[in-house]
Amino acid sequence: MIITAEERDAVYKTIFNRRDVRSNFTDQAIPDEVLTRILTAAHHAPSVGFMQPWDFIVVRSQQIKQKIKNGFELANKQSAEMFNGDKQLQYKKLKLEGILEAPVGICVTCDRSRNGPVVLGRTIKPEMDFYSVVCAIQNIWLAARSENLGLGWVSIIEDSVLKQALDIPDDIHIVAYLCLGYVSNFSAQPELEQKGWLKRSELSSVLHFDKWRKD
């Protein structure tokens, strides 16, 4: 199949306009067919040995979301104390999740035992199954943006909170909790860049040819 120039440009437009969304969620419901398209895109991500180690838990219950929110609040308070001075003050002003506001949460997990103890492509780098799940998450993010949905990744939370709230077995590993929903607007820049936390580095500063560049 040949990708046309218009289709190519749409892919790049989606990539460059993807945002980690923490606010501006609306209460507009996500149609089942839209959510299915997004999760189908995730399920078509590349995976080491074609093991497809992911599972997706769709969360709509406000009661369950509140348990997750409580866990975030505790972890966020602990995280703030790791920064010093102005950086800590700046951190405390940031909104870093939309757990209750987003109509849908998605917990993405990794089953490291799927398809047996020996997996093609994971024999030397056993962590490749985790990287496969991250590819699925990126597909969710880009598919969501193409559907004009916002998505935010909540990483400031203990796995134990999510396991308890969602009844996840002990041998299943949590990779992400995502907040998904329609938003009132998308920021022109990543929020952390917009608010002065960090700037995007130039491609030239991270690009090497043939060997590691020593400045």
N, C-alpha and C. Protein backbone atom coordinates (compact mmCIF):
# COMPACT_ATOMS: atom_id res chain seq x y z
N MET A 1 0.84 -1.19 0.00
CA MET A 1 0.00 0.00 0.00
C MET A 1 0.88 1.25 0.00
N ILE A 2 0.60 2.16 -0.90
CA ILE A 2 1.33 3.42 -1.00
C ILE A 2 0.63 4.48 -0.15
N ILE A 3 1.39 5.20 0.65
CA ILE A 3 0.86 6.31 1.43
C ILE A 3 0.94 7.57 0.57
N THR A 4 -0.17 8.24 0.40
CA THR A 4 -0.17 9.47 -0.41
C THR A 4 0.47 10.62 0.37
N ALA A 5 0.81 11.67 -0.36
CA ALA A 5 1.41 12.84 0.28
C ALA A 5 0.46 13.45 1.31
N GLU A 6 -0.83 13.47 1.00
CA GLU A 6 -1.81 14.03 1.93
C GLU A 6 -1.90 13.19 3.19
N GLU A 7 -1.89 11.87 3.03
CA GLU A 7 -1.92 10.98 4.19
C GLU A 7 -0.66 11.12 5.02
N ARG A 8 0.48 11.21 4.36
CA ARG A 8 1.75 11.43 5.07
C ARG A 8 1.71 12.70 5.89
N ASP A 9 1.24 13.78 5.28
CA ASP A 9 1.18 15.07 5.98
C ASP A 9 0.25 15.00 7.18
N ALA A 10 -0.84 14.24 7.07
CA ALA A 10 -1.77 14.10 8.20
C ALA A 10 -1.11 13.39 9.37
N VAL A 11 -0.26 12.41 9.08
CA VAL A 11 0.46 11.71 10.15
C VAL A 11 1.39 12.67 10.87
N TYR A 12 2.17 13.43 10.12
CA TYR A 12 3.09 14.38 10.75
C TYR A 12 2.34 15.48 11.51
N LYS A 13 1.24 15.93 10.96
CA LYS A 13 0.43 16.93 11.66
C LYS A 13 -0.04 16.39 13.01
N THR A 14 -0.47 15.15 13.03
CA THR A 14 -0.93 14.53 14.28
C THR A 14 0.22 14.42 15.28
N ILE A 15 1.39 13.99 14.81
CA ILE A 15 2.55 13.86 15.70
C ILE A 15 2.92 15.20 16.31
N PHE A 16 3.01 16.23 15.49
CA PHE A 16 3.48 17.53 15.98
C PHE A 16 2.44 18.25 16.84
N ASN A 17 1.18 17.84 16.73
CA ASN A 17 0.12 18.48 17.52
C ASN A 17 -0.38 17.60 18.67
N ARG A 18 0.29 16.49 18.91
CA ARG A 18 -0.03 15.67 20.08
C ARG A 18 0.39 16.42 21.34
N ARG A 19 -0.43 16.34 22.36
CA ARG A 19 -0.13 17.01 23.62
C ARG A 19 -0.42 16.07 24.79
N ASP A 20 0.32 16.27 25.88
CA ASP A 20 0.01 15.59 27.14
C ASP A 20 -1.01 16.47 27.86
N VAL A 21 -2.27 16.06 27.83
CA VAL A 21 -3.38 16.90 28.29
C VAL A 21 -3.70 16.61 29.75
N ARG A 22 -3.72 17.65 30.55
CA ARG A 22 -4.04 17.49 31.98
C ARG A 22 -5.28 18.28 32.38
N SER A 23 -5.73 19.19 31.51
CA SER A 23 -6.85 20.06 31.84
C SER A 23 -7.70 20.30 30.59
N ASN A 24 -8.74 21.11 30.76
CA ASN A 24 -9.64 21.48 29.65
C ASN A 24 -10.48 20.32 29.13
N PHE A 25 -10.61 19.23 29.92
CA PHE A 25 -11.50 18.16 29.51
C PHE A 25 -12.95 18.63 29.60
N THR A 26 -13.76 18.21 28.65
CA THR A 26 -15.19 18.50 28.68
C THR A 26 -15.93 17.25 29.14
N ASP A 27 -17.24 17.38 29.36
CA ASP A 27 -18.03 16.23 29.78
C ASP A 27 -18.65 15.49 28.59
N GLN A 28 -18.23 15.82 27.39
CA GLN A 28 -18.75 15.14 26.20
C GLN A 28 -18.33 13.67 26.21
N ALA A 29 -19.29 12.79 26.05
CA ALA A 29 -19.02 11.36 26.08
C ALA A 29 -18.24 10.93 24.84
N ILE A 30 -17.41 9.93 25.01
CA ILE A 30 -16.67 9.35 23.88
C ILE A 30 -17.51 8.22 23.29
N PRO A 31 -17.94 8.32 22.03
CA PRO A 31 -18.73 7.23 21.44
C PRO A 31 -17.96 5.91 21.47
N ASP A 32 -18.69 4.83 21.66
CA ASP A 32 -18.06 3.52 21.75
C ASP A 32 -17.23 3.20 20.51
N GLU A 33 -17.73 3.61 19.34
CA GLU A 33 -17.01 3.29 18.11
C GLU A 33 -15.67 4.03 18.02
N VAL A 34 -15.63 5.24 18.60
CA VAL A 34 -14.37 6.00 18.61
C VAL A 34 -13.38 5.34 19.55
N LEU A 35 -13.83 4.97 20.73
CA LEU A 35 -12.95 4.30 21.69
C LEU A 35 -12.45 2.97 21.12
N THR A 36 -13.32 2.26 20.42
CA THR A 36 -12.91 0.99 19.81
C THR A 36 -11.84 1.21 18.75
N ARG A 37 -11.99 2.27 17.94
CA ARG A 37 -10.97 2.56 16.93
C ARG A 37 -9.62 2.83 17.58
N ILE A 38 -9.64 3.60 18.67
CA ILE A 38 -8.39 3.96 19.35
C ILE A 38 -7.73 2.71 19.94
N LEU A 39 -8.51 1.86 20.60
CA LEU A 39 -7.94 0.66 21.21
C LEU A 39 -7.52 -0.36 20.16
N THR A 40 -8.20 -0.37 19.04
CA THR A 40 -7.78 -1.23 17.93
C THR A 40 -6.43 -0.78 17.39
N ALA A 41 -6.24 0.53 17.31
CA ALA A 41 -4.93 1.06 16.89
C ALA A 41 -3.85 0.63 17.87
N ALA A 42 -4.16 0.68 19.17
CA ALA A 42 -3.20 0.25 20.18
C ALA A 42 -2.86 -1.23 20.00
N HIS A 43 -3.86 -2.03 19.72
CA HIS A 43 -3.68 -3.48 19.59
C HIS A 43 -2.89 -3.84 18.32
N HIS A 44 -2.73 -2.88 17.42
CA HIS A 44 -1.95 -3.10 16.20
C HIS A 44 -0.54 -2.52 16.31
N ALA A 45 -0.11 -2.23 17.51
CA ALA A 45 1.26 -1.75 17.71
C ALA A 45 2.25 -2.89 17.48
N PRO A 46 3.49 -2.54 17.15
CA PRO A 46 4.50 -3.59 17.03
C PRO A 46 4.81 -4.18 18.40
N SER A 47 5.12 -5.48 18.44
CA SER A 47 5.51 -6.10 19.71
C SER A 47 6.57 -7.15 19.46
N VAL A 48 7.50 -7.25 20.40
CA VAL A 48 8.61 -8.20 20.27
C VAL A 48 8.05 -9.63 20.18
N GLY A 49 8.53 -10.37 19.19
CA GLY A 49 8.07 -11.75 19.01
C GLY A 49 6.58 -11.87 18.76
N PHE A 50 5.94 -10.76 18.41
CA PHE A 50 4.48 -10.70 18.22
C PHE A 50 3.75 -11.22 19.45
N MET A 51 4.32 -10.94 20.64
CA MET A 51 3.74 -11.49 21.87
C MET A 51 2.53 -10.71 22.36
N GLN A 52 2.38 -9.45 21.92
CA GLN A 52 1.22 -8.64 22.28
C GLN A 52 0.97 -8.69 23.79
N PRO A 53 1.89 -8.17 24.59
CA PRO A 53 1.83 -8.37 26.04
C PRO A 53 0.88 -7.44 26.78
N TRP A 54 0.17 -6.60 26.06
CA TRP A 54 -0.65 -5.56 26.68
C TRP A 54 -2.06 -6.03 27.03
N ASP A 55 -2.64 -5.37 28.04
CA ASP A 55 -4.07 -5.40 28.32
C ASP A 55 -4.49 -3.96 28.59
N PHE A 56 -5.77 -3.66 28.35
CA PHE A 56 -6.30 -2.31 28.52
C PHE A 56 -7.51 -2.36 29.44
N ILE A 57 -7.46 -1.65 30.54
CA ILE A 57 -8.59 -1.57 31.46
C ILE A 57 -9.24 -0.20 31.27
N VAL A 58 -10.45 -0.20 30.75
CA VAL A 58 -11.18 1.06 30.53
C VAL A 58 -11.92 1.41 31.82
N VAL A 59 -11.67 2.61 32.33
CA VAL A 59 -12.24 3.05 33.60
C VAL A 59 -13.22 4.19 33.37
N ARG A 60 -14.47 3.96 33.74
CA ARG A 60 -15.50 5.01 33.65
C ARG A 60 -16.09 5.34 35.02
N SER A 61 -15.94 4.48 35.98
CA SER A 61 -16.52 4.66 37.31
C SER A 61 -15.86 5.82 38.05
N GLN A 62 -16.68 6.79 38.48
CA GLN A 62 -16.14 7.92 39.23
C GLN A 62 -15.62 7.47 40.59
N GLN A 63 -16.22 6.44 41.16
CA GLN A 63 -15.76 5.92 42.44
C GLN A 63 -14.35 5.36 42.32
N ILE A 64 -14.10 4.62 41.27
CA ILE A 64 -12.76 4.07 41.05
C ILE A 64 -11.78 5.19 40.73
N LYS A 65 -12.22 6.15 39.92
CA LYS A 65 -11.34 7.29 39.60
C LYS A 65 -10.95 8.05 40.87
N GLN A 66 -11.88 8.16 41.81
CA GLN A 66 -11.58 8.88 43.05
C GLN A 66 -10.49 8.16 43.83
N LYS A 67 -10.51 6.84 43.86
CA LYS A 67 -9.45 6.08 44.53
C LYS A 67 -8.10 6.37 43.87
N ILE A 68 -8.12 6.42 42.55
CA ILE A 68 -6.87 6.69 41.81
C ILE A 68 -6.41 8.12 42.06
N LYS A 69 -7.35 9.04 42.08
CA LYS A 69 -7.03 10.44 42.37
C LYS A 69 -6.40 10.59 43.75
N ASN A 70 -6.95 9.89 44.73
CA ASN A 70 -6.39 9.95 46.08
C ASN A 70 -4.94 9.47 46.10
N GLY A 71 -4.68 8.41 45.34
CA GLY A 71 -3.32 7.91 45.25
C GLY A 71 -2.39 8.90 44.58
N PHE A 72 -2.90 9.57 43.55
CA PHE A 72 -2.10 10.60 42.89
C PHE A 72 -1.76 11.73 43.85
N GLU A 73 -2.73 12.18 44.62
CA GLU A 73 -2.51 13.31 45.52
C GLU A 73 -1.38 13.01 46.50
N LEU A 74 -1.36 11.81 47.03
CA LEU A 74 -0.32 11.42 47.97
C LEU A 74 1.04 11.38 47.28
N ALA A 75 1.10 10.74 46.11
CA ALA A 75 2.36 10.64 45.38
C ALA A 75 2.84 12.02 44.90
N ASN A 76 1.91 12.87 44.52
CA ASN A 76 2.28 14.20 44.04
C ASN A 76 2.88 15.05 45.16
N LYS A 77 2.33 14.90 46.35
CA LYS A 77 2.87 15.64 47.50
C LYS A 77 4.30 15.18 47.80
N GLN A 78 4.52 13.88 47.74
CA GLN A 78 5.86 13.34 47.96
C GLN A 78 6.82 13.79 46.86
N SER A 79 6.33 13.82 45.63
CA SER A 79 7.18 14.22 44.50
C SER A 79 7.60 15.67 44.61
N ALA A 80 6.69 16.53 45.05
CA ALA A 80 7.00 17.96 45.16
C ALA A 80 8.18 18.20 46.09
N GLU A 81 8.28 17.38 47.14
CA GLU A 81 9.36 17.55 48.12
C GLU A 81 10.73 17.18 47.55
N MET A 82 10.76 16.54 46.40
CA MET A 82 12.03 16.16 45.78
C MET A 82 12.69 17.31 45.05
N PHE A 83 11.93 18.36 44.80
CA PHE A 83 12.48 19.54 44.13
C PHE A 83 12.82 20.60 45.17
N ASN A 84 13.71 21.51 44.80
CA ASN A 84 14.16 22.54 45.72
C ASN A 84 13.83 23.94 45.21
N GLY A 85 13.64 24.86 46.14
CA GLY A 85 13.54 26.27 45.82
C GLY A 85 12.47 26.62 44.82
N ASP A 86 12.84 27.42 43.82
CA ASP A 86 11.89 27.90 42.82
C ASP A 86 11.27 26.76 42.03
N LYS A 87 12.05 25.70 41.80
CA LYS A 87 11.53 24.57 41.03
C LYS A 87 10.39 23.90 41.79
N GLN A 88 10.50 23.81 43.10
CA GLN A 88 9.42 23.23 43.90
C GLN A 88 8.18 24.10 43.84
N LEU A 89 8.36 25.40 43.94
CA LEU A 89 7.22 26.32 43.87
C LEU A 89 6.54 26.22 42.51
N GLN A 90 7.35 26.12 41.46
CA GLN A 90 6.81 26.00 40.11
C GLN A 90 6.07 24.67 39.95
N TYR A 91 6.64 23.61 40.50
CA TYR A 91 6.02 22.29 40.43
C TYR A 91 4.63 22.31 41.06
N LYS A 92 4.52 22.93 42.21
CA LYS A 92 3.26 22.92 42.94
C LYS A 92 2.15 23.69 42.21
N LYS A 93 2.52 24.54 41.26
CA LYS A 93 1.53 25.29 40.49
C LYS A 93 1.04 24.53 39.27
N LEU A 94 1.73 23.45 38.92
CA LEU A 94 1.38 22.70 37.72
C LEU A 94 0.20 21.76 37.98
N LYS A 95 -0.70 21.66 37.01
CA LYS A 95 -1.75 20.64 37.06
C LYS A 95 -1.24 19.45 36.27
N LEU A 96 -1.09 18.31 36.94
CA LEU A 96 -0.39 17.19 36.36
C LEU A 96 -1.28 15.98 36.08
N GLU A 97 -2.59 16.14 36.16
CA GLU A 97 -3.51 15.04 35.85
C GLU A 97 -4.91 15.56 35.60
N GLY A 98 -5.73 14.69 34.98
CA GLY A 98 -7.14 15.00 34.78
C GLY A 98 -7.99 13.79 35.11
N ILE A 99 -7.63 13.12 36.20
CA ILE A 99 -8.22 11.82 36.52
C ILE A 99 -9.73 11.88 36.66
N LEU A 100 -10.23 12.85 37.40
CA LEU A 100 -11.68 12.95 37.61
C LEU A 100 -12.38 13.66 36.45
N GLU A 101 -11.69 14.59 35.81
CA GLU A 101 -12.31 15.38 34.75
C GLU A 101 -12.48 14.60 33.45
N ALA A 102 -11.51 13.74 33.14
CA ALA A 102 -11.59 12.98 31.88
C ALA A 102 -12.68 11.92 31.97
N PRO A 103 -13.52 11.78 30.95
CA PRO A 103 -14.60 10.80 31.02
C PRO A 103 -14.12 9.35 31.03
N VAL A 104 -12.93 9.10 30.50
CA VAL A 104 -12.42 7.73 30.42
C VAL A 104 -10.98 7.69 30.91
N GLY A 105 -10.68 6.69 31.72
CA GLY A 105 -9.31 6.36 32.07
C GLY A 105 -8.96 5.03 31.42
N ILE A 106 -7.70 4.87 31.06
CA ILE A 106 -7.24 3.60 30.49
C ILE A 106 -5.96 3.20 31.21
N CYS A 107 -6.00 2.07 31.88
CA CYS A 107 -4.80 1.52 32.50
C CYS A 107 -4.21 0.50 31.53
N VAL A 108 -2.95 0.67 31.19
CA VAL A 108 -2.28 -0.21 30.22
C VAL A 108 -1.25 -1.05 30.97
N THR A 109 -1.34 -2.36 30.81
CA THR A 109 -0.48 -3.27 31.57
C THR A 109 0.36 -4.14 30.65
N CYS A 110 1.31 -4.84 31.26
CA CYS A 110 2.20 -5.76 30.54
C CYS A 110 2.19 -7.11 31.23
N ASP A 111 1.84 -8.14 30.48
CA ASP A 111 1.89 -9.52 30.97
C ASP A 111 3.18 -10.14 30.44
N ARG A 112 4.20 -10.21 31.29
CA ARG A 112 5.53 -10.64 30.87
C ARG A 112 5.59 -12.14 30.60
N SER A 113 4.57 -12.88 31.02
CA SER A 113 4.57 -14.33 30.83
C SER A 113 3.81 -14.76 29.59
N ARG A 114 3.24 -13.81 28.89
CA ARG A 114 2.41 -14.16 27.73
C ARG A 114 3.22 -14.90 26.67
N ASN A 115 2.68 -15.97 26.18
CA ASN A 115 3.30 -16.79 25.13
C ASN A 115 4.57 -17.50 25.61
N GLY A 116 4.66 -17.74 26.91
CA GLY A 116 5.74 -18.58 27.42
C GLY A 116 6.96 -17.84 27.90
N PRO A 117 7.88 -18.57 28.54
CA PRO A 117 9.06 -17.94 29.15
C PRO A 117 10.11 -17.48 28.14
N VAL A 118 10.14 -18.07 26.95
CA VAL A 118 11.12 -17.68 25.94
C VAL A 118 10.39 -17.05 24.76
N VAL A 119 10.70 -15.79 24.50
CA VAL A 119 10.02 -15.04 23.44
C VAL A 119 11.05 -14.57 22.43
N LEU A 120 10.77 -14.80 21.17
CA LEU A 120 11.65 -14.35 20.09
C LEU A 120 11.92 -12.85 20.24
N GLY A 121 13.18 -12.48 20.23
CA GLY A 121 13.53 -11.07 20.31
C GLY A 121 13.71 -10.54 21.72
N ARG A 122 13.32 -11.37 22.73
CA ARG A 122 13.46 -10.94 24.12
C ARG A 122 14.50 -11.78 24.84
N THR A 123 15.21 -12.61 24.10
CA THR A 123 16.17 -13.53 24.71
C THR A 123 17.38 -12.79 25.29
N ILE A 124 17.77 -11.68 24.69
CA ILE A 124 18.93 -10.92 25.15
C ILE A 124 18.49 -9.65 25.88
N LYS A 125 17.45 -9.03 25.40
CA LYS A 125 16.91 -7.82 26.04
C LYS A 125 15.51 -8.13 26.56
N PRO A 126 15.39 -8.67 27.76
CA PRO A 126 14.08 -9.11 28.27
C PRO A 126 13.09 -7.97 28.47
N GLU A 127 13.59 -6.74 28.56
CA GLU A 127 12.70 -5.59 28.77
C GLU A 127 11.95 -5.17 27.51
N MET A 128 12.20 -5.85 26.39
CA MET A 128 11.55 -5.47 25.14
C MET A 128 10.03 -5.56 25.21
N ASP A 129 9.50 -6.39 26.11
CA ASP A 129 8.05 -6.47 26.23
C ASP A 129 7.48 -5.15 26.75
N PHE A 130 8.19 -4.51 27.67
CA PHE A 130 7.75 -3.21 28.16
C PHE A 130 7.77 -2.17 27.04
N TYR A 131 8.84 -2.22 26.24
CA TYR A 131 8.93 -1.26 25.13
C TYR A 131 7.79 -1.48 24.13
N SER A 132 7.38 -2.73 23.96
CA SER A 132 6.25 -3.03 23.07
C SER A 132 4.98 -2.37 23.57
N VAL A 133 4.76 -2.44 24.89
CA VAL A 133 3.56 -1.81 25.46
C VAL A 133 3.61 -0.29 25.28
N VAL A 134 4.80 0.29 25.40
CA VAL A 134 4.92 1.73 25.18
C VAL A 134 4.57 2.09 23.74
N CYS A 135 4.92 1.22 22.79
CA CYS A 135 4.51 1.45 21.40
C CYS A 135 2.98 1.48 21.28
N ALA A 136 2.31 0.60 22.01
CA ALA A 136 0.84 0.58 22.00
C ALA A 136 0.29 1.88 22.58
N ILE A 137 0.94 2.38 23.63
CA ILE A 137 0.50 3.64 24.24
C ILE A 137 0.66 4.79 23.26
N GLN A 138 1.78 4.81 22.55
CA GLN A 138 1.96 5.87 21.55
C GLN A 138 0.89 5.79 20.48
N ASN A 139 0.50 4.58 20.08
CA ASN A 139 -0.59 4.45 19.11
C ASN A 139 -1.89 5.02 19.68
N ILE A 140 -2.17 4.75 20.96
CA ILE A 140 -3.36 5.33 21.59
C ILE A 140 -3.29 6.86 21.51
N TRP A 141 -2.15 7.41 21.85
CA TRP A 141 -1.99 8.86 21.90
C TRP A 141 -2.23 9.49 20.52
N LEU A 142 -1.61 8.92 19.50
CA LEU A 142 -1.75 9.49 18.17
C LEU A 142 -3.15 9.26 17.61
N ALA A 143 -3.71 8.07 17.86
CA ALA A 143 -5.08 7.82 17.39
C ALA A 143 -6.06 8.76 18.08
N ALA A 144 -5.87 8.96 19.39
CA ALA A 144 -6.74 9.89 20.12
C ALA A 144 -6.66 11.29 19.54
N ARG A 145 -5.44 11.74 19.26
CA ARG A 145 -5.29 13.11 18.71
C ARG A 145 -5.94 13.21 17.34
N SER A 146 -5.86 12.14 16.55
CA SER A 146 -6.49 12.16 15.22
C SER A 146 -8.00 12.19 15.32
N GLU A 147 -8.53 11.76 16.48
CA GLU A 147 -9.98 11.81 16.75
C GLU A 147 -10.36 13.10 17.48
N ASN A 148 -9.38 14.02 17.61
CA ASN A 148 -9.57 15.28 18.35
C ASN A 148 -9.92 15.06 19.82
N LEU A 149 -9.30 14.01 20.37
CA LEU A 149 -9.41 13.73 21.80
C LEU A 149 -8.08 14.05 22.48
N GLY A 150 -8.17 14.56 23.70
CA GLY A 150 -6.98 14.81 24.49
C GLY A 150 -6.63 13.60 25.32
N LEU A 151 -5.33 13.41 25.57
CA LEU A 151 -4.88 12.29 26.38
C LEU A 151 -3.72 12.74 27.26
N GLY A 152 -3.75 12.33 28.52
CA GLY A 152 -2.66 12.62 29.44
C GLY A 152 -2.21 11.35 30.14
N TRP A 153 -0.89 11.23 30.33
CA TRP A 153 -0.29 10.07 30.98
C TRP A 153 0.00 10.45 32.43
N VAL A 154 -0.63 9.75 33.38
CA VAL A 154 -0.42 10.00 34.80
C VAL A 154 0.65 9.03 35.31
N SER A 155 1.84 9.53 35.52
CA SER A 155 2.94 8.67 36.00
C SER A 155 3.23 8.88 37.48
N ILE A 156 2.60 9.88 38.08
CA ILE A 156 2.87 10.19 39.49
C ILE A 156 1.85 9.45 40.35
N ILE A 157 2.02 8.15 40.43
CA ILE A 157 1.11 7.32 41.22
C ILE A 157 1.78 5.96 41.44
N GLU A 158 1.59 5.40 42.62
CA GLU A 158 2.17 4.10 42.93
C GLU A 158 1.37 2.99 42.25
N ASP A 159 2.10 1.99 41.74
CA ASP A 159 1.44 0.85 41.11
C ASP A 159 0.47 0.17 42.07
N SER A 160 0.82 0.14 43.34
CA SER A 160 -0.03 -0.54 44.33
C SER A 160 -1.42 0.08 44.40
N VAL A 161 -1.51 1.39 44.19
CA VAL A 161 -2.81 2.07 44.20
C VAL A 161 -3.66 1.58 43.04
N LEU A 162 -3.07 1.52 41.86
CA LEU A 162 -3.81 1.08 40.68
C LEU A 162 -4.17 -0.40 40.77
N LYS A 163 -3.27 -1.20 41.30
CA LYS A 163 -3.57 -2.64 41.43
C LYS A 163 -4.75 -2.87 42.36
N GLN A 164 -4.78 -2.12 43.46
CA GLN A 164 -5.88 -2.28 44.41
C GLN A 164 -7.19 -1.75 43.83
N ALA A 165 -7.14 -0.59 43.20
CA ALA A 165 -8.35 0.03 42.67
C ALA A 165 -8.95 -0.78 41.51
N LEU A 166 -8.09 -1.42 40.73
CA LEU A 166 -8.54 -2.08 39.50
C LEU A 166 -8.46 -3.61 39.57
N ASP A 167 -8.14 -4.15 40.75
CA ASP A 167 -8.05 -5.61 40.93
C ASP A 167 -7.09 -6.27 39.95
N ILE A 168 -5.94 -5.66 39.76
CA ILE A 168 -4.94 -6.18 38.83
C ILE A 168 -4.11 -7.25 39.54
N PRO A 169 -3.94 -8.43 38.94
CA PRO A 169 -3.16 -9.50 39.58
C PRO A 169 -1.72 -9.07 39.87
N ASP A 170 -1.13 -9.72 40.85
CA ASP A 170 0.23 -9.36 41.27
C ASP A 170 1.27 -9.54 40.17
N ASP A 171 1.07 -10.53 39.30
CA ASP A 171 2.08 -10.82 38.29
C ASP A 171 1.93 -9.98 37.02
N ILE A 172 0.98 -9.07 37.02
CA ILE A 172 0.78 -8.17 35.87
C ILE A 172 1.42 -6.82 36.20
N HIS A 173 2.19 -6.29 35.26
CA HIS A 173 2.94 -5.05 35.47
C HIS A 173 2.19 -3.86 34.87
N ILE A 174 2.12 -2.79 35.61
CA ILE A 174 1.46 -1.58 35.14
C ILE A 174 2.47 -0.70 34.41
N VAL A 175 2.08 -0.24 33.24
CA VAL A 175 2.94 0.65 32.46
C VAL A 175 2.39 2.07 32.45
N ALA A 176 1.07 2.23 32.37
CA ALA A 176 0.53 3.59 32.28
C ALA A 176 -0.90 3.66 32.76
N TYR A 177 -1.25 4.83 33.30
CA TYR A 177 -2.65 5.19 33.49
C TYR A 177 -2.88 6.45 32.66
N LEU A 178 -3.85 6.38 31.76
CA LEU A 178 -4.10 7.45 30.81
C LEU A 178 -5.46 8.08 31.04
N CYS A 179 -5.55 9.39 30.87
CA CYS A 179 -6.81 10.13 30.95
C CYS A 179 -7.21 10.56 29.55
N LEU A 180 -8.40 10.20 29.12
CA LEU A 180 -8.84 10.39 27.75
C LEU A 180 -10.16 11.11 27.69
N GLY A 181 -10.27 12.12 26.83
CA GLY A 181 -11.53 12.82 26.66
C GLY A 181 -11.44 13.97 25.68
N TYR A 182 -12.59 14.46 25.29
CA TYR A 182 -12.62 15.67 24.46
C TYR A 182 -12.19 16.86 25.32
N VAL A 183 -11.57 17.83 24.68
CA VAL A 183 -11.08 19.01 25.39
C VAL A 183 -11.59 20.27 24.72
N SER A 184 -11.62 21.35 25.48
CA SER A 184 -12.09 22.62 24.93
C SER A 184 -11.09 23.23 23.96
N ASN A 185 -9.81 22.93 24.15
CA ASN A 185 -8.79 23.41 23.22
C ASN A 185 -7.48 22.65 23.45
N PHE A 186 -6.67 22.62 22.41
CA PHE A 186 -5.33 22.05 22.50
C PHE A 186 -4.31 23.18 22.52
N SER A 187 -3.32 23.05 23.37
CA SER A 187 -2.28 24.07 23.48
C SER A 187 -1.40 24.05 22.23
N ALA A 188 -0.94 25.23 21.83
CA ALA A 188 -0.05 25.32 20.68
C ALA A 188 1.32 24.72 20.99
N GLN A 189 1.70 24.72 22.26
CA GLN A 189 2.97 24.15 22.70
C GLN A 189 2.71 23.13 23.80
N PRO A 190 3.65 22.20 24.02
CA PRO A 190 3.55 21.36 25.21
C PRO A 190 3.44 22.23 26.45
N GLU A 191 2.60 21.82 27.40
CA GLU A 191 2.31 22.66 28.55
C GLU A 191 3.56 22.98 29.38
N LEU A 192 4.43 22.00 29.57
CA LEU A 192 5.62 22.23 30.37
C LEU A 192 6.58 23.21 29.68
N GLU A 193 6.60 23.17 28.37
CA GLU A 193 7.39 24.15 27.63
C GLU A 193 6.76 25.53 27.72
N GLN A 194 5.44 25.57 27.58
CA GLN A 194 4.70 26.83 27.63
C GLN A 194 4.86 27.52 28.98
N LYS A 195 4.93 26.72 30.05
CA LYS A 195 5.01 27.29 31.39
C LYS A 195 6.44 27.44 31.90
N GLY A 196 7.40 27.19 31.03
CA GLY A 196 8.78 27.46 31.38
C GLY A 196 9.48 26.39 32.18
N TRP A 197 8.94 25.19 32.23
CA TRP A 197 9.61 24.12 32.98
C TRP A 197 10.90 23.70 32.27
N LEU A 198 10.77 23.40 30.99
CA LEU A 198 11.92 23.08 30.14
C LEU A 198 11.58 23.47 28.71
N LYS A 199 12.61 23.61 27.86
CA LYS A 199 12.40 23.89 26.46
C LYS A 199 12.70 22.64 25.65
N ARG A 200 12.09 22.56 24.47
CA ARG A 200 12.42 21.45 23.57
C ARG A 200 13.85 21.64 23.06
N SER A 201 14.64 20.59 23.13
CA SER A 201 16.01 20.68 22.63
C SER A 201 16.01 20.64 21.10
N GLU A 202 17.08 21.14 20.52
CA GLU A 202 17.23 21.09 19.07
C GLU A 202 17.61 19.66 18.65
N LEU A 203 17.08 19.23 17.52
CA LEU A 203 17.41 17.90 17.01
C LEU A 203 18.92 17.73 16.89
N SER A 204 19.60 18.78 16.45
CA SER A 204 21.05 18.68 16.24
C SER A 204 21.81 18.35 17.52
N SER A 205 21.24 18.68 18.68
CA SER A 205 21.93 18.43 19.94
C SER A 205 21.86 16.97 20.38
N VAL A 206 20.99 16.18 19.76
CA VAL A 206 20.83 14.78 20.14
C VAL A 206 21.08 13.83 18.97
N LEU A 207 21.64 14.37 17.89
CA LEU A 207 21.81 13.59 16.66
C LEU A 207 23.27 13.21 16.47
N HIS A 208 23.51 11.93 16.19
CA HIS A 208 24.86 11.41 15.99
C HIS A 208 24.88 10.62 14.68
N PHE A 209 26.02 10.56 14.04
CA PHE A 209 26.18 9.77 12.82
C PHE A 209 27.36 8.82 12.98
N ASP A 210 27.11 7.56 12.79
CA ASP A 210 28.11 6.50 12.84
C ASP A 210 28.68 6.24 14.22
N LYS A 211 29.09 7.30 14.94
CA LYS A 211 29.62 7.16 16.29
C LYS A 211 29.06 8.24 17.19
N TRP A 212 29.14 8.00 18.49
CA TRP A 212 28.73 9.01 19.47
C TRP A 212 29.58 10.25 19.31
N ARG A 213 28.92 11.35 19.13
CA ARG A 213 29.64 12.62 18.95
C ARG A 213 30.13 13.13 20.28
N LYS A 214 31.41 13.43 20.38
CA LYS A 214 31.99 13.97 21.61
C LYS A 214 32.22 15.46 21.42
N ASP A 215 31.45 16.28 22.13
CA ASP A 215 31.59 17.74 21.99
C ASP A 215 32.81 18.24 22.73
